[in-house]
């Protein structure tokens, strides 16, 4: 049975997605990964917030870091896209690597867990929480007038256009996968052939 909202909490209605994740063990450039993901969100006009940065005391196996990020983008007055990223490194050691050109670079060796979570917030402002009537009006608009747009059009845009893209680009940055982004043309942009 669906949960019934009171009009006070009805303004916080969100649609969530499944949570893709990445598990990685090996050597990676943490500074490059950090800068890449922040630039990815900023180039797409997201408001980026680093909510948590924890660096736990190193054990004999290595350091442990936790990062929690939130990126929000207001699409229009109805939709706000929210992407949450959780990075957790285990047994991390910094290693110095000498490049072919003689430059010394610092990489991180250990285990990495990255979890992505996305949601669409519908009507993010407080105007629908003023009375029981406006909350009911919002429910009517969502359930009957904009039902297909909420479920199909926005879901695909966020899921395939934003969330899966950052997952595949992160895998590519970690050199886990092949060089092509496999969902590149899923939203209707076909390669001319």
C-alpha atoms as a PDB file:
ATOM      1  CA  UNK A   1       0.000   0.000   0.000  1.00  0.00           C
ATOM      2  CA  UNK A   2       1.293   3.437  -0.923  1.00  0.00           C
ATOM      3  CA  UNK A   3       2.303   5.729   1.887  1.00  0.00           C
ATOM      4  CA  UNK A   4      -0.005   8.684   2.401  1.00  0.00           C
ATOM      5  CA  UNK A   5       1.685  12.043   2.776  1.00  0.00           C
ATOM      6  CA  UNK A   6       0.452  14.837   4.961  1.00  0.00           C
ATOM      7  CA  UNK A   7       0.368  18.207   3.315  1.00  0.00           C
ATOM      8  CA  UNK A   8       3.355  19.335   5.416  1.00  0.00           C
ATOM      9  CA  UNK A   9       5.686  16.696   3.947  1.00  0.00           C
ATOM     10  CA  UNK A  10       4.134  16.502   0.497  1.00  0.00           C
ATOM     11  CA  UNK A  11       6.466  19.140  -0.928  1.00  0.00           C
ATOM     12  CA  UNK A  12       9.427  16.749  -0.552  1.00  0.00           C
ATOM     13  CA  UNK A  13       8.199  14.179  -3.064  1.00  0.00           C
ATOM     14  CA  UNK A  14      11.102  12.537  -4.889  1.00  0.00           C
ATOM     15  CA  UNK A  15      11.527   9.773  -7.438  1.00  0.00           C
ATOM     16  CA  UNK A  16      14.615   7.640  -6.823  1.00  0.00           C
ATOM     17  CA  UNK A  17      16.695   5.337  -9.009  1.00  0.00           C
ATOM     18  CA  UNK A  18      18.697   2.189  -8.553  1.00  0.00           C
ATOM     19  CA  UNK A  19      22.192   2.690  -7.206  1.00  0.00           C
ATOM     20  CA  UNK A  20      25.009   1.754  -9.560  1.00  0.00           C
ATOM     21  CA  UNK A  21      28.344   1.228  -7.884  1.00  0.00           C
ATOM     22  CA  UNK A  22      31.998   0.637  -8.712  1.00  0.00           C
ATOM     23  CA  UNK A  23      34.372  -1.638  -6.821  1.00  0.00           C
ATOM     24  CA  UNK A  24      38.000  -1.204  -7.744  1.00  0.00           C
ATOM     25  CA  UNK A  25      41.244  -2.640  -6.416  1.00  0.00           C
ATOM     26  CA  UNK A  26      44.519  -1.394  -7.762  1.00  0.00           C
ATOM     27  CA  UNK A  27      46.365   1.853  -8.409  1.00  0.00           C
ATOM     28  CA  UNK A  28      44.628   5.087  -9.383  1.00  0.00           C
ATOM     29  CA  UNK A  29      45.246   8.806  -9.394  1.00  0.00           C
ATOM     30  CA  UNK A  30      42.972  10.080  -6.608  1.00  0.00           C
ATOM     31  CA  UNK A  31      43.658  13.751  -7.321  1.00  0.00           C
ATOM     32  CA  UNK A  32      42.765  13.285 -10.992  1.00  0.00           C
ATOM     33  CA  UNK A  33      39.578  11.352 -10.127  1.00  0.00           C
ATOM     34  CA  UNK A  34      38.571  14.003  -7.587  1.00  0.00           C
ATOM     35  CA  UNK A  35      39.091  16.895 -10.006  1.00  0.00           C
ATOM     36  CA  UNK A  36      37.461  15.045 -12.903  1.00  0.00           C
ATOM     37  CA  UNK A  37      34.229  14.345 -11.022  1.00  0.00           C
ATOM     38  CA  UNK A  38      33.961  17.889  -9.661  1.00  0.00           C
ATOM     39  CA  UNK A  39      34.580  19.374 -13.118  1.00  0.00           C
ATOM     40  CA  UNK A  40      32.037  16.969 -14.624  1.00  0.00           C
ATOM     41  CA  UNK A  41      29.319  18.343 -12.360  1.00  0.00           C
ATOM     42  CA  UNK A  42      30.361  21.979 -12.720  1.00  0.00           C
ATOM     43  CA  UNK A  43      30.444  21.800 -16.530  1.00  0.00           C
ATOM     44  CA  UNK A  44      26.850  20.571 -16.478  1.00  0.00           C
ATOM     45  CA  UNK A  45      25.754  23.470 -14.240  1.00  0.00           C
ATOM     46  CA  UNK A  46      25.235  21.436 -11.075  1.00  0.00           C
ATOM     47  CA  UNK A  47      25.598  23.026  -7.656  1.00  0.00           C
ATOM     48  CA  UNK A  48      28.249  20.866  -6.054  1.00  0.00           C
ATOM     49  CA  UNK A  49      28.509  20.294  -2.304  1.00  0.00           C
ATOM     50  CA  UNK A  50      31.089  18.178  -0.525  1.00  0.00           C
ATOM     51  CA  UNK A  51      29.029  17.121   2.468  1.00  0.00           C
ATOM     52  CA  UNK A  52      31.471  14.803   4.244  1.00  0.00           C
ATOM     53  CA  UNK A  53      35.234  14.322   4.097  1.00  0.00           C
ATOM     54  CA  UNK A  54      36.598  11.836   6.629  1.00  0.00           C
ATOM     55  CA  UNK A  55      40.186  10.715   6.804  1.00  0.00           C
ATOM     56  CA  UNK A  56      40.456   7.964   9.377  1.00  0.00           C
ATOM     57  CA  UNK A  57      43.650   7.234  11.237  1.00  0.00           C
ATOM     58  CA  UNK A  58      45.800   4.873   9.150  1.00  0.00           C
ATOM     59  CA  UNK A  59      45.926   1.272  10.248  1.00  0.00           C
ATOM     60  CA  UNK A  60      48.833  -1.039   9.392  1.00  0.00           C
ATOM     61  CA  UNK A  61      46.973  -1.849   6.161  1.00  0.00           C
ATOM     62  CA  UNK A  62      46.546   1.773   5.087  1.00  0.00           C
ATOM     63  CA  UNK A  63      44.371   4.854   5.379  1.00  0.00           C
ATOM     64  CA  UNK A  64      40.647   5.012   4.985  1.00  0.00           C
ATOM     65  CA  UNK A  65      38.795   7.973   3.475  1.00  0.00           C
ATOM     66  CA  UNK A  66      35.093   8.677   3.054  1.00  0.00           C
ATOM     67  CA  UNK A  67      33.713  11.357   0.756  1.00  0.00           C
ATOM     68  CA  UNK A  68      30.046  12.204   0.329  1.00  0.00           C
ATOM     69  CA  UNK A  69      29.093  14.593  -2.457  1.00  0.00           C
ATOM     70  CA  UNK A  70      25.784  16.027  -3.612  1.00  0.00           C
ATOM     71  CA  UNK A  71      25.191  17.705  -6.959  1.00  0.00           C
ATOM     72  CA  UNK A  72      21.898  19.482  -7.648  1.00  0.00           C
ATOM     73  CA  UNK A  73      20.600  21.081 -10.817  1.00  0.00           C
ATOM     74  CA  UNK A  74      17.332  22.954 -11.192  1.00  0.00           C
ATOM     75  CA  UNK A  75      15.943  22.005 -14.614  1.00  0.00           C
ATOM     76  CA  UNK A  76      12.828  24.195 -14.439  1.00  0.00           C
ATOM     77  CA  UNK A  77      10.330  25.180 -11.746  1.00  0.00           C
ATOM     78  CA  UNK A  78       9.054  21.582 -11.588  1.00  0.00           C
ATOM     79  CA  UNK A  79      12.168  19.383 -11.579  1.00  0.00           C
ATOM     80  CA  UNK A  80      15.431  19.356  -9.660  1.00  0.00           C
ATOM     81  CA  UNK A  81      17.956  16.612 -10.424  1.00  0.00           C
ATOM     82  CA  UNK A  82      19.964  15.381  -7.441  1.00  0.00           C
ATOM     83  CA  UNK A  83      22.988  13.101  -7.800  1.00  0.00           C
ATOM     84  CA  UNK A  84      24.731  11.777  -4.689  1.00  0.00           C
ATOM     85  CA  UNK A  85      28.201  10.225  -4.857  1.00  0.00           C
ATOM     86  CA  UNK A  86      29.741   8.203  -2.034  1.00  0.00           C
ATOM     87  CA  UNK A  87      33.473   7.394  -2.314  1.00  0.00           C
ATOM     88  CA  UNK A  88      35.199   5.171   0.199  1.00  0.00           C
ATOM     89  CA  UNK A  89      38.841   4.123  -0.004  1.00  0.00           C
ATOM     90  CA  UNK A  90      40.197   1.226   2.025  1.00  0.00           C
ATOM     91  CA  UNK A  91      43.808   0.219   2.705  1.00  0.00           C
ATOM     92  CA  UNK A  92      45.014   3.243   0.738  1.00  0.00           C
ATOM     93  CA  UNK A  93      48.720   3.985   0.453  1.00  0.00           C
ATOM     94  CA  UNK A  94      50.311   6.787  -1.536  1.00  0.00           C
ATOM     95  CA  UNK A  95      52.902   5.515  -3.982  1.00  0.00           C
ATOM     96  CA  UNK A  96      55.376   7.563  -6.005  1.00  0.00           C
ATOM     97  CA  UNK A  97      55.559   6.653  -9.692  1.00  0.00           C
ATOM     98  CA  UNK A  98      58.175   7.964 -12.073  1.00  0.00           C
ATOM     99  CA  UNK A  99      56.689   8.793 -15.467  1.00  0.00           C
ATOM    100  CA  UNK A 100      58.454   8.234 -18.789  1.00  0.00           C
ATOM    101  CA  UNK A 101      59.312  11.912 -19.025  1.00  0.00           C
ATOM    102  CA  UNK A 102      61.040  11.815 -15.606  1.00  0.00           C
ATOM    103  CA  UNK A 103      58.209  13.488 -13.708  1.00  0.00           C
ATOM    104  CA  UNK A 104      57.279  11.919 -10.360  1.00  0.00           C
ATOM    105  CA  UNK A 105      53.555  11.522  -9.737  1.00  0.00           C
ATOM    106  CA  UNK A 106      51.689  10.382  -6.627  1.00  0.00           C
ATOM    107  CA  UNK A 107      49.111   7.614  -7.058  1.00  0.00           C
ATOM    108  CA  UNK A 108      46.920   5.813  -4.546  1.00  0.00           C
ATOM    109  CA  UNK A 109      47.105   2.053  -4.127  1.00  0.00           C
ATOM    110  CA  UNK A 110      44.283   0.233  -2.369  1.00  0.00           C
ATOM    111  CA  UNK A 111      40.587  -0.490  -2.700  1.00  0.00           C
ATOM    112  CA  UNK A 112      37.886   1.936  -3.823  1.00  0.00           C
ATOM    113  CA  UNK A 113      34.103   1.793  -3.469  1.00  0.00           C
ATOM    114  CA  UNK A 114      32.049   4.398  -5.362  1.00  0.00           C
ATOM    115  CA  UNK A 115      28.265   4.471  -5.077  1.00  0.00           C
ATOM    116  CA  UNK A 116      25.977   6.698  -7.148  1.00  0.00           C
ATOM    117  CA  UNK A 117      22.441   7.627  -6.206  1.00  0.00           C
ATOM    118  CA  UNK A 118      20.095   9.833  -8.191  1.00  0.00           C
ATOM    119  CA  UNK A 119      16.678  11.283  -7.699  1.00  0.00           C
ATOM    120  CA  UNK A 120      14.318  13.832  -9.150  1.00  0.00           C
ATOM    121  CA  UNK A 121      12.729  16.273  -6.729  1.00  0.00           C
ATOM    122  CA  UNK A 122       9.383  17.486  -7.988  1.00  0.00           C
ATOM    123  CA  UNK A 123       8.326  21.012  -7.067  1.00  0.00           C
ATOM    124  CA  UNK A 124      11.270  21.737  -4.774  1.00  0.00           C
ATOM    125  CA  UNK A 125       9.879  24.999  -3.437  1.00  0.00           C
ATOM    126  CA  UNK A 126       7.625  25.409  -0.412  1.00  0.00           C
ATOM    127  CA  UNK A 127       4.555  26.813  -2.170  1.00  0.00           C
ATOM    128  CA  UNK A 128       2.734  23.455  -2.124  1.00  0.00           C
ATOM    129  CA  UNK A 129       3.035  23.002   1.653  1.00  0.00           C
ATOM    130  CA  UNK A 130       0.979  26.054   2.569  1.00  0.00           C
ATOM    131  CA  UNK A 131      -2.374  24.311   2.892  1.00  0.00           C
ATOM    132  CA  UNK A 132      -4.136  21.004   2.486  1.00  0.00           C
ATOM    133  CA  UNK A 133      -5.798  22.248  -0.714  1.00  0.00           C
ATOM    134  CA  UNK A 134      -2.507  23.109  -2.471  1.00  0.00           C
ATOM    135  CA  UNK A 135      -1.022  19.749  -1.399  1.00  0.00           C
ATOM    136  CA  UNK A 136      -4.045  17.992  -2.890  1.00  0.00           C
ATOM    137  CA  UNK A 137      -3.703  20.076  -6.040  1.00  0.00           C
ATOM    138  CA  UNK A 138      -0.053  19.031  -6.335  1.00  0.00           C
ATOM    139  CA  UNK A 139      -1.067  15.378  -5.947  1.00  0.00           C
ATOM    140  CA  UNK A 140      -3.685  15.763  -8.680  1.00  0.00           C
ATOM    141  CA  UNK A 141      -1.199  17.415 -11.039  1.00  0.00           C
ATOM    142  CA  UNK A 142       1.432  14.729 -10.392  1.00  0.00           C
ATOM    143  CA  UNK A 143      -0.880  11.726 -10.591  1.00  0.00           C
ATOM    144  CA  UNK A 144      -3.107  12.704 -13.501  1.00  0.00           C
ATOM    145  CA  UNK A 145      -1.711  15.546 -15.574  1.00  0.00           C
ATOM    146  CA  UNK A 146       2.062  14.996 -15.509  1.00  0.00           C
ATOM    147  CA  UNK A 147       2.239  11.259 -14.780  1.00  0.00           C
ATOM    148  CA  UNK A 148       3.853  10.213 -18.061  1.00  0.00           C
ATOM    149  CA  UNK A 149       6.293  13.114 -18.049  1.00  0.00           C
ATOM    150  CA  UNK A 150       7.414  12.295 -14.494  1.00  0.00           C
ATOM    151  CA  UNK A 151       7.818   8.605 -15.152  1.00  0.00           C
ATOM    152  CA  UNK A 152       9.213   8.390 -18.647  1.00  0.00           C
ATOM    153  CA  UNK A 153      10.736  11.570 -19.951  1.00  0.00           C
ATOM    154  CA  UNK A 154      12.531  12.770 -16.834  1.00  0.00           C
ATOM    155  CA  UNK A 155      13.568   9.285 -15.689  1.00  0.00           C
ATOM    156  CA  UNK A 156      15.385   8.604 -18.963  1.00  0.00           C
ATOM    157  CA  UNK A 157      17.075  11.993 -19.028  1.00  0.00           C
ATOM    158  CA  UNK A 158      18.523  11.574 -15.553  1.00  0.00           C
ATOM    159  CA  UNK A 159      19.160   7.846 -15.688  1.00  0.00           C
ATOM    160  CA  UNK A 160      20.850   7.559 -19.073  1.00  0.00           C
ATOM    161  CA  UNK A 161      21.901  11.124 -19.756  1.00  0.00           C
ATOM    162  CA  UNK A 162      23.396  11.962 -16.387  1.00  0.00           C
ATOM    163  CA  UNK A 163      23.775   9.081 -13.969  1.00  0.00           C
ATOM    164  CA  UNK A 164      24.968   6.285 -16.239  1.00  0.00           C
ATOM    165  CA  UNK A 165      27.248   8.727 -18.010  1.00  0.00           C
ATOM    166  CA  UNK A 166      29.106   9.678 -14.821  1.00  0.00           C
ATOM    167  CA  UNK A 167      29.383   5.973 -13.900  1.00  0.00           C
ATOM    168  CA  UNK A 168      30.914   5.034 -17.247  1.00  0.00           C
ATOM    169  CA  UNK A 169      33.160   8.099 -17.333  1.00  0.00           C
ATOM    170  CA  UNK A 170      34.428   7.255 -13.827  1.00  0.00           C
ATOM    171  CA  UNK A 171      35.165   3.678 -14.902  1.00  0.00           C
ATOM    172  CA  UNK A 172      37.000   5.014 -17.901  1.00  0.00           C
ATOM    173  CA  UNK A 173      38.999   7.378 -15.677  1.00  0.00           C
ATOM    174  CA  UNK A 174      39.987   4.428 -13.484  1.00  0.00           C
ATOM    175  CA  UNK A 175      40.903   2.513 -16.668  1.00  0.00           C
ATOM    176  CA  UNK A 176      38.503  -0.294 -15.749  1.00  0.00           C
ATOM    177  CA  UNK A 177      36.648  -0.487 -19.035  1.00  0.00           C
ATOM    178  CA  UNK A 178      37.171   0.038 -22.710  1.00  0.00           C
ATOM    179  CA  UNK A 179      37.546   3.553 -24.049  1.00  0.00           C
ATOM    180  CA  UNK A 180      34.070   3.972 -25.552  1.00  0.00           C
ATOM    181  CA  UNK A 181      31.112   5.189 -23.538  1.00  0.00           C
ATOM    182  CA  UNK A 182      28.605   2.522 -24.527  1.00  0.00           C
ATOM    183  CA  UNK A 183      25.395   4.464 -23.820  1.00  0.00           C
ATOM    184  CA  UNK A 184      26.619   7.472 -25.784  1.00  0.00           C
ATOM    185  CA  UNK A 185      23.784   7.388 -28.353  1.00  0.00           C
ATOM    186  CA  UNK A 186      20.886   6.050 -26.271  1.00  0.00           C
ATOM    187  CA  UNK A 187      18.978   9.322 -26.098  1.00  0.00           C
ATOM    188  CA  UNK A 188      18.398   9.573 -29.840  1.00  0.00           C
ATOM    189  CA  UNK A 189      21.623  11.118 -31.109  1.00  0.00           C
ATOM    190  CA  UNK A 190      22.606   8.670 -33.809  1.00  0.00           C
ATOM    191  CA  UNK A 191      25.984   8.535 -35.461  1.00  0.00           C
ATOM    192  CA  UNK A 192      25.916   9.407 -39.134  1.00  0.00           C
ATOM    193  CA  UNK A 193      26.973   6.453 -41.125  1.00  0.00           C
END
